[in-house]
N, C-alpha and C. Protein backbone atom coordinates (compact mmCIF):
# COMPACT_ATOMS: atom_id res chain seq x y z
N MET A 1 123.67 242.94 135.69
CA MET A 1 123.11 241.79 135.02
C MET A 1 123.81 241.62 133.68
N LYS A 2 124.28 240.41 133.48
CA LYS A 2 124.98 240.12 132.23
C LYS A 2 123.96 239.77 131.17
N THR A 3 124.23 240.27 130.03
CA THR A 3 123.38 239.89 128.91
C THR A 3 124.21 239.09 127.94
N LYS A 4 123.56 238.18 127.32
CA LYS A 4 124.24 237.32 126.37
C LYS A 4 124.53 238.10 125.11
N SER A 5 125.77 238.05 124.71
CA SER A 5 126.15 238.77 123.51
C SER A 5 125.96 237.88 122.30
N ASN A 6 125.32 238.34 121.33
CA ASN A 6 125.12 237.58 120.10
C ASN A 6 125.99 238.13 118.98
N LYS A 7 127.04 238.91 119.37
CA LYS A 7 127.92 239.46 118.35
C LYS A 7 128.62 238.32 117.66
N LYS A 8 128.88 238.50 116.42
CA LYS A 8 129.56 237.48 115.65
C LYS A 8 131.00 237.91 115.45
N SER A 9 131.90 236.98 115.53
CA SER A 9 133.31 237.27 115.30
C SER A 9 133.55 237.41 113.81
N GLU A 10 134.81 237.67 113.50
CA GLU A 10 135.16 237.85 112.08
C GLU A 10 134.86 236.60 111.27
N SER A 11 134.89 235.43 111.92
CA SER A 11 134.62 234.18 111.20
C SER A 11 133.13 234.00 110.92
N GLY A 12 132.31 234.86 111.54
CA GLY A 12 130.88 234.74 111.32
C GLY A 12 130.18 233.90 112.38
N LEU A 13 130.95 233.38 113.37
CA LEU A 13 130.37 232.55 114.43
C LEU A 13 130.13 233.40 115.66
N PRO A 14 129.11 233.13 116.45
CA PRO A 14 128.88 233.90 117.66
C PRO A 14 130.05 233.71 118.63
N SER A 15 130.37 234.76 119.39
CA SER A 15 131.48 234.70 120.34
C SER A 15 130.94 234.69 121.76
N ARG A 16 131.73 234.14 122.69
CA ARG A 16 131.37 234.17 124.09
C ARG A 16 131.72 235.54 124.64
N PRO A 17 131.01 236.03 125.66
CA PRO A 17 131.26 237.37 126.21
C PRO A 17 132.71 237.55 126.67
N GLU A 18 133.33 236.54 127.29
CA GLU A 18 134.68 236.71 127.78
C GLU A 18 135.68 236.89 126.64
N GLN A 19 135.34 236.40 125.47
CA GLN A 19 136.21 236.61 124.32
C GLN A 19 136.11 238.05 123.85
N LEU A 20 134.94 238.64 123.95
CA LEU A 20 134.73 240.00 123.49
C LEU A 20 135.26 241.04 124.47
N SER A 21 135.27 240.71 125.78
CA SER A 21 135.66 241.70 126.77
C SER A 21 137.15 241.91 126.83
N GLY A 22 137.90 241.04 126.20
CA GLY A 22 139.35 241.17 126.23
C GLY A 22 139.93 240.61 127.51
N ASN A 23 139.15 239.95 128.32
CA ASN A 23 139.61 239.36 129.56
C ASN A 23 140.53 238.19 129.22
N THR A 24 141.79 238.29 129.59
CA THR A 24 142.75 237.24 129.28
C THR A 24 143.05 236.37 130.48
N GLN A 25 142.42 236.66 131.60
CA GLN A 25 142.66 235.89 132.80
C GLN A 25 142.04 234.50 132.62
N THR A 26 142.82 233.47 132.92
CA THR A 26 142.31 232.11 132.77
C THR A 26 142.27 231.45 134.11
N THR A 27 141.40 230.53 134.28
CA THR A 27 141.32 229.75 135.50
C THR A 27 141.99 228.41 135.25
N ALA A 28 142.53 227.85 136.32
CA ALA A 28 143.23 226.56 136.18
C ALA A 28 142.21 225.47 135.92
N GLN A 29 142.30 224.90 134.77
CA GLN A 29 141.44 223.79 134.40
C GLN A 29 142.30 222.71 133.78
N PRO A 30 141.93 221.47 133.97
CA PRO A 30 142.71 220.41 133.34
C PRO A 30 142.64 220.54 131.83
N PRO A 31 143.70 220.12 131.15
CA PRO A 31 143.67 220.21 129.70
C PRO A 31 142.56 219.33 129.15
N ALA A 32 141.99 219.79 128.10
CA ALA A 32 140.91 219.03 127.46
C ALA A 32 141.49 217.79 126.82
N ALA A 33 140.71 216.73 126.85
CA ALA A 33 141.14 215.49 126.20
C ALA A 33 141.20 215.73 124.70
N PRO A 34 142.18 215.12 124.05
CA PRO A 34 142.25 215.31 122.60
C PRO A 34 140.99 214.79 121.94
N ALA A 35 140.59 215.48 120.95
CA ALA A 35 139.38 215.06 120.23
C ALA A 35 139.66 213.77 119.49
N ALA A 36 138.66 212.92 119.46
CA ALA A 36 138.80 211.66 118.74
C ALA A 36 138.94 211.96 117.25
N PRO A 37 139.79 211.21 116.58
CA PRO A 37 139.94 211.46 115.15
C PRO A 37 138.61 211.24 114.44
N VAL A 38 138.38 212.07 113.50
CA VAL A 38 137.15 211.97 112.73
C VAL A 38 137.37 210.91 111.66
N THR A 39 136.56 209.91 111.71
CA THR A 39 136.66 208.81 110.74
C THR A 39 135.33 208.63 110.05
N ALA A 40 135.39 207.89 108.99
CA ALA A 40 134.16 207.58 108.27
C ALA A 40 133.29 206.72 109.17
N PRO A 41 131.99 206.84 109.10
CA PRO A 41 131.13 206.00 109.93
C PRO A 41 131.42 204.53 109.66
N GLU A 42 131.36 203.74 110.74
CA GLU A 42 131.61 202.31 110.58
C GLU A 42 130.60 201.71 109.63
N GLN A 43 131.11 200.82 108.80
CA GLN A 43 130.21 200.15 107.87
C GLN A 43 129.35 199.18 108.66
N ALA A 44 128.11 199.14 108.32
CA ALA A 44 127.19 198.21 108.98
C ALA A 44 127.59 196.79 108.62
N LYS A 45 127.67 195.94 109.65
CA LYS A 45 128.02 194.54 109.40
C LYS A 45 126.81 193.85 108.80
N PRO A 46 127.06 192.99 107.81
CA PRO A 46 125.91 192.29 107.22
C PRO A 46 125.31 191.33 108.25
N ALA A 47 124.03 191.13 108.15
CA ALA A 47 123.34 190.22 109.06
C ALA A 47 123.88 188.82 108.87
N ARG A 48 124.07 188.12 109.99
CA ARG A 48 124.59 186.76 109.94
C ARG A 48 123.45 185.82 109.56
N ILE A 49 123.65 185.07 108.52
CA ILE A 49 122.63 184.15 108.05
C ILE A 49 123.02 182.75 108.52
N LEU A 50 122.19 182.19 109.37
CA LEU A 50 122.46 180.85 109.90
C LEU A 50 121.96 179.79 108.93
N PRO A 51 122.66 178.66 108.88
CA PRO A 51 122.18 177.57 108.03
C PRO A 51 120.80 177.11 108.49
N TYR A 52 120.00 176.70 107.56
CA TYR A 52 118.63 176.28 107.84
C TYR A 52 118.62 174.87 108.43
N VAL A 53 117.86 174.67 109.47
CA VAL A 53 117.65 173.35 110.06
C VAL A 53 116.15 173.13 110.14
N ASN A 54 115.68 172.05 109.51
CA ASN A 54 114.28 171.68 109.57
C ASN A 54 114.10 170.84 110.83
N TYR A 55 113.53 171.44 111.87
CA TYR A 55 113.45 170.78 113.16
C TYR A 55 112.46 169.62 113.18
N GLU A 56 111.48 169.63 112.30
CA GLU A 56 110.55 168.50 112.22
C GLU A 56 111.29 167.27 111.69
N GLU A 57 112.08 167.47 110.63
CA GLU A 57 112.89 166.37 110.08
C GLU A 57 113.96 165.94 111.08
N ARG A 58 114.53 166.90 111.78
CA ARG A 58 115.56 166.59 112.78
C ARG A 58 115.00 165.66 113.85
N GLN A 59 113.79 165.96 114.31
CA GLN A 59 113.17 165.13 115.35
C GLN A 59 112.95 163.70 114.85
N LYS A 60 112.54 163.57 113.59
CA LYS A 60 112.35 162.23 113.01
C LYS A 60 113.70 161.50 112.91
N SER A 61 114.74 162.23 112.55
CA SER A 61 116.06 161.63 112.37
C SER A 61 116.66 161.13 113.67
N ARG A 62 116.21 161.65 114.79
CA ARG A 62 116.75 161.21 116.09
C ARG A 62 116.38 159.76 116.41
N SER A 63 115.42 159.20 115.67
CA SER A 63 115.02 157.80 115.88
C SER A 63 115.73 156.84 114.93
N LEU A 64 116.55 157.36 114.03
CA LEU A 64 117.26 156.48 113.09
C LEU A 64 118.20 155.54 113.84
N PRO A 65 118.33 154.30 113.37
CA PRO A 65 119.30 153.39 114.00
C PRO A 65 120.73 153.84 113.71
N SER A 66 121.66 153.42 114.53
CA SER A 66 123.05 153.86 114.40
C SER A 66 123.64 153.53 113.03
N ALA A 67 123.25 152.40 112.42
CA ALA A 67 123.78 152.04 111.10
C ALA A 67 123.39 153.09 110.05
N ASP A 68 122.16 153.60 110.11
CA ASP A 68 121.71 154.63 109.17
C ASP A 68 122.43 155.96 109.41
N VAL A 69 122.65 156.29 110.67
CA VAL A 69 123.36 157.53 111.00
C VAL A 69 124.79 157.45 110.48
N LEU A 70 125.44 156.33 110.71
CA LEU A 70 126.82 156.16 110.25
C LEU A 70 126.90 156.17 108.72
N ALA A 71 125.92 155.56 108.06
CA ALA A 71 125.90 155.57 106.60
C ALA A 71 125.76 157.00 106.08
N HIS A 72 124.93 157.78 106.73
CA HIS A 72 124.76 159.19 106.34
C HIS A 72 126.08 159.96 106.54
N LEU A 73 126.71 159.75 107.68
CA LEU A 73 127.99 160.42 107.93
C LEU A 73 129.05 160.01 106.92
N ARG A 74 129.11 158.72 106.62
CA ARG A 74 130.11 158.22 105.68
C ARG A 74 129.92 158.86 104.30
N ARG A 75 128.66 159.02 103.90
CA ARG A 75 128.39 159.56 102.57
C ARG A 75 128.57 161.08 102.50
N TRP A 76 127.99 161.82 103.46
CA TRP A 76 127.94 163.27 103.38
C TRP A 76 129.03 163.99 104.17
N TYR A 77 129.55 163.35 105.21
CA TYR A 77 130.56 163.98 106.06
C TYR A 77 131.68 162.97 106.36
N PRO A 78 132.48 162.61 105.37
CA PRO A 78 133.50 161.58 105.59
C PRO A 78 134.52 161.94 106.68
N GLN A 79 134.85 163.22 106.84
CA GLN A 79 135.79 163.60 107.89
C GLN A 79 135.16 163.43 109.27
N VAL A 80 133.87 163.66 109.35
CA VAL A 80 133.16 163.47 110.62
C VAL A 80 133.03 161.98 110.91
N TYR A 81 132.82 161.19 109.87
CA TYR A 81 132.71 159.74 110.04
C TYR A 81 133.97 159.17 110.68
N GLU A 82 135.12 159.71 110.31
CA GLU A 82 136.39 159.25 110.88
C GLU A 82 136.46 159.50 112.38
N LEU A 83 135.72 160.47 112.88
CA LEU A 83 135.72 160.82 114.31
C LEU A 83 134.57 160.17 115.07
N ALA A 84 133.63 159.54 114.36
CA ALA A 84 132.43 158.99 115.00
C ALA A 84 132.77 157.81 115.89
N GLU A 85 132.26 157.87 117.10
CA GLU A 85 132.47 156.81 118.08
C GLU A 85 131.10 156.23 118.44
N ILE A 86 131.01 154.92 118.46
CA ILE A 86 129.77 154.25 118.83
C ILE A 86 129.87 153.90 120.31
N VAL A 87 128.98 154.49 121.10
CA VAL A 87 128.95 154.25 122.54
C VAL A 87 127.61 153.62 122.84
N GLY A 88 127.64 152.32 123.13
CA GLY A 88 126.38 151.59 123.28
C GLY A 88 125.68 151.60 121.94
N LYS A 89 124.49 152.19 121.87
CA LYS A 89 123.77 152.33 120.60
C LYS A 89 123.79 153.76 120.09
N TRP A 90 124.40 154.66 120.85
CA TRP A 90 124.50 156.06 120.45
C TRP A 90 125.73 156.28 119.58
N VAL A 91 125.70 157.37 118.83
CA VAL A 91 126.88 157.79 118.05
C VAL A 91 127.33 159.13 118.62
N TRP A 92 128.61 159.19 118.99
CA TRP A 92 129.20 160.42 119.51
C TRP A 92 130.25 160.90 118.52
N VAL A 93 130.36 162.21 118.38
CA VAL A 93 131.42 162.80 117.55
C VAL A 93 132.09 163.89 118.39
N THR A 94 133.40 163.72 118.60
CA THR A 94 134.19 164.69 119.34
C THR A 94 135.20 165.29 118.38
N PHE A 95 135.15 166.59 118.22
CA PHE A 95 136.06 167.30 117.31
C PHE A 95 137.25 167.84 118.09
N PRO A 96 138.44 167.85 117.47
CA PRO A 96 139.59 168.44 118.15
C PRO A 96 139.45 169.95 118.33
N GLU A 97 138.72 170.60 117.43
CA GLU A 97 138.40 172.03 117.55
C GLU A 97 137.02 172.25 116.97
N GLN A 98 136.46 173.41 117.21
CA GLN A 98 135.09 173.67 116.79
C GLN A 98 134.95 173.54 115.27
N PRO A 99 133.99 172.72 114.82
CA PRO A 99 133.79 172.56 113.36
C PRO A 99 133.09 173.77 112.75
N ALA A 100 133.11 173.82 111.45
CA ALA A 100 132.46 174.92 110.72
C ALA A 100 130.95 174.92 111.02
N GLU A 101 130.38 176.09 110.86
CA GLU A 101 128.95 176.25 111.18
C GLU A 101 128.07 175.35 110.32
N ASN A 102 128.43 175.17 109.05
CA ASN A 102 127.60 174.32 108.19
C ASN A 102 127.70 172.85 108.60
N VAL A 103 128.84 172.43 109.16
CA VAL A 103 128.97 171.05 109.65
C VAL A 103 128.10 170.89 110.89
N ARG A 104 128.15 171.86 111.79
CA ARG A 104 127.31 171.79 113.00
C ARG A 104 125.83 171.76 112.63
N ALA A 105 125.44 172.57 111.65
CA ALA A 105 124.03 172.58 111.21
C ALA A 105 123.66 171.25 110.58
N GLY A 106 124.59 170.67 109.81
CA GLY A 106 124.33 169.36 109.20
C GLY A 106 124.16 168.27 110.24
N LEU A 107 125.00 168.29 111.27
CA LEU A 107 124.85 167.32 112.35
C LEU A 107 123.52 167.50 113.07
N SER A 108 123.17 168.74 113.32
CA SER A 108 121.89 169.02 113.97
C SER A 108 120.72 168.53 113.12
N GLN A 109 120.82 168.75 111.82
CA GLN A 109 119.74 168.35 110.92
C GLN A 109 119.50 166.84 110.95
N ILE A 110 120.56 166.05 111.07
CA ILE A 110 120.36 164.59 111.07
C ILE A 110 120.14 164.03 112.47
N GLY A 111 119.93 164.93 113.47
CA GLY A 111 119.50 164.46 114.77
C GLY A 111 120.52 164.53 115.88
N PHE A 112 121.72 165.02 115.63
CA PHE A 112 122.71 165.15 116.69
C PHE A 112 122.37 166.35 117.56
N HIS A 113 122.81 166.29 118.81
CA HIS A 113 122.70 167.43 119.71
C HIS A 113 124.04 167.58 120.43
N TRP A 114 124.31 168.79 120.90
CA TRP A 114 125.56 169.07 121.60
C TRP A 114 125.40 168.74 123.07
N ASN A 115 126.32 167.93 123.62
CA ASN A 115 126.34 167.63 125.04
C ASN A 115 127.46 168.45 125.65
N ASN A 116 127.11 169.49 126.35
CA ASN A 116 128.12 170.40 126.90
C ASN A 116 128.95 169.76 128.00
N ALA A 117 128.39 168.82 128.75
CA ALA A 117 129.13 168.17 129.82
C ALA A 117 130.24 167.28 129.25
N ARG A 118 129.96 166.58 128.16
CA ARG A 118 130.95 165.68 127.55
C ARG A 118 131.71 166.31 126.39
N LYS A 119 131.28 167.51 125.99
CA LYS A 119 131.93 168.26 124.90
C LYS A 119 131.97 167.45 123.61
N CYS A 120 130.82 166.91 123.26
CA CYS A 120 130.74 166.15 122.01
C CYS A 120 129.32 166.24 121.45
N TRP A 121 129.20 165.91 120.18
CA TRP A 121 127.90 165.82 119.51
C TRP A 121 127.41 164.39 119.69
N GLN A 122 126.15 164.24 120.05
CA GLN A 122 125.60 162.91 120.31
C GLN A 122 124.33 162.70 119.52
N HIS A 123 124.18 161.47 119.03
CA HIS A 123 122.94 161.07 118.36
C HIS A 123 122.38 159.89 119.14
N PRO A 124 121.11 159.97 119.60
CA PRO A 124 120.56 158.91 120.44
C PRO A 124 120.21 157.63 119.69
N CYS A 125 120.09 157.69 118.40
CA CYS A 125 119.77 156.50 117.59
C CYS A 125 118.55 155.77 118.12
N GLY A 126 117.53 156.52 118.52
CA GLY A 126 116.28 155.93 118.98
C GLY A 126 116.31 155.47 120.43
N GLN A 127 117.45 155.53 121.09
CA GLN A 127 117.57 155.10 122.48
C GLN A 127 117.65 156.34 123.37
N PHE A 128 116.51 156.93 123.67
CA PHE A 128 116.47 158.19 124.40
C PHE A 128 116.65 157.95 125.89
N ALA A 129 117.43 158.82 126.50
CA ALA A 129 117.62 158.78 127.95
C ALA A 129 117.38 160.18 128.47
N THR A 130 116.67 160.29 129.58
CA THR A 130 116.38 161.60 130.12
C THR A 130 117.56 162.16 130.88
N GLU A 131 118.29 161.32 131.59
CA GLU A 131 119.43 161.79 132.37
C GLU A 131 120.37 160.62 132.60
N GLY A 132 121.65 160.91 132.52
CA GLY A 132 122.64 159.87 132.74
C GLY A 132 122.79 159.52 134.21
N SER A 133 123.40 158.39 134.47
CA SER A 133 123.60 157.94 135.84
C SER A 133 124.84 158.56 136.46
N GLY A 134 125.61 159.30 135.68
CA GLY A 134 126.84 159.89 136.19
C GLY A 134 128.05 159.07 135.81
N ALA A 135 127.87 157.78 135.58
CA ALA A 135 128.98 156.92 135.18
C ALA A 135 129.30 157.17 133.71
N ASP A 136 130.51 156.88 133.32
CA ASP A 136 130.91 157.05 131.93
C ASP A 136 130.24 155.97 131.09
N PRO A 137 129.40 156.35 130.13
CA PRO A 137 128.72 155.35 129.30
C PRO A 137 129.70 154.45 128.53
N ARG A 138 130.89 154.92 128.27
CA ARG A 138 131.88 154.08 127.58
C ARG A 138 132.23 152.86 128.43
N GLN A 139 132.28 153.06 129.75
CA GLN A 139 132.57 151.95 130.66
C GLN A 139 131.38 150.99 130.76
N LYS A 140 130.20 151.58 130.80
CA LYS A 140 128.99 150.78 130.99
C LYS A 140 128.62 149.98 129.74
N TYR A 141 128.68 150.66 128.55
CA TYR A 141 128.20 150.02 127.32
C TYR A 141 129.31 149.61 126.36
N GLY A 142 130.49 150.08 126.59
CA GLY A 142 131.57 149.83 125.65
C GLY A 142 131.52 150.82 124.50
N SER A 143 132.64 150.99 123.81
CA SER A 143 132.68 151.91 122.69
C SER A 143 133.74 151.49 121.69
N HIS A 144 133.54 151.92 120.45
CA HIS A 144 134.52 151.71 119.39
C HIS A 144 134.29 152.77 118.31
N PHE A 145 135.31 153.02 117.51
CA PHE A 145 135.19 154.01 116.46
C PHE A 145 134.65 153.35 115.20
N ALA A 146 133.74 154.03 114.55
CA ALA A 146 133.09 153.49 113.35
C ALA A 146 134.10 153.24 112.25
N ALA A 147 135.10 154.11 112.11
CA ALA A 147 136.10 153.96 111.05
C ALA A 147 136.97 152.73 111.25
N ASP A 148 137.03 152.21 112.49
CA ASP A 148 137.84 151.01 112.77
C ASP A 148 137.16 149.73 112.29
N LEU A 149 135.84 149.79 112.05
CA LEU A 149 135.11 148.62 111.58
C LEU A 149 135.39 148.40 110.10
N LYS A 150 135.50 147.17 109.71
CA LYS A 150 135.69 146.85 108.29
C LYS A 150 134.37 147.01 107.56
N ALA A 151 134.44 147.68 106.43
CA ALA A 151 133.23 147.86 105.62
C ALA A 151 132.74 146.52 105.11
N ALA A 152 131.46 146.27 105.22
CA ALA A 152 130.89 144.99 104.79
C ALA A 152 130.56 145.01 103.33
């Protein structure tokens, strides 16, 4: 019966019995994987703070007429106003690439929503539709860019 040896080596650490017995016979084992380098613990990432959107005000803003929505865009988001397209009575904004988070939050705050099928931000301007007919609304209602209109 083998007993566990609690003898300590010269370093002061307990040794395994095979180390103490002088047994130099080794068994074929795959080499151990190299130990991962010891690094400082990863710094905790700061919590992501999302821009505030007042959803009660957002819901009210969804009933604004297109002229008011465009006036808001012209004043607060002039670059977005340049991209605004009027489709029927709705306002659509299609960006060439994803806009900054604060711009997306601002659009959401004034009543826009993201339409994943058309890949654009849309504002219903009080003309709510539950589901489209499948046809392109630009063909059905016509469209033009707000920036193309002459300021009155």
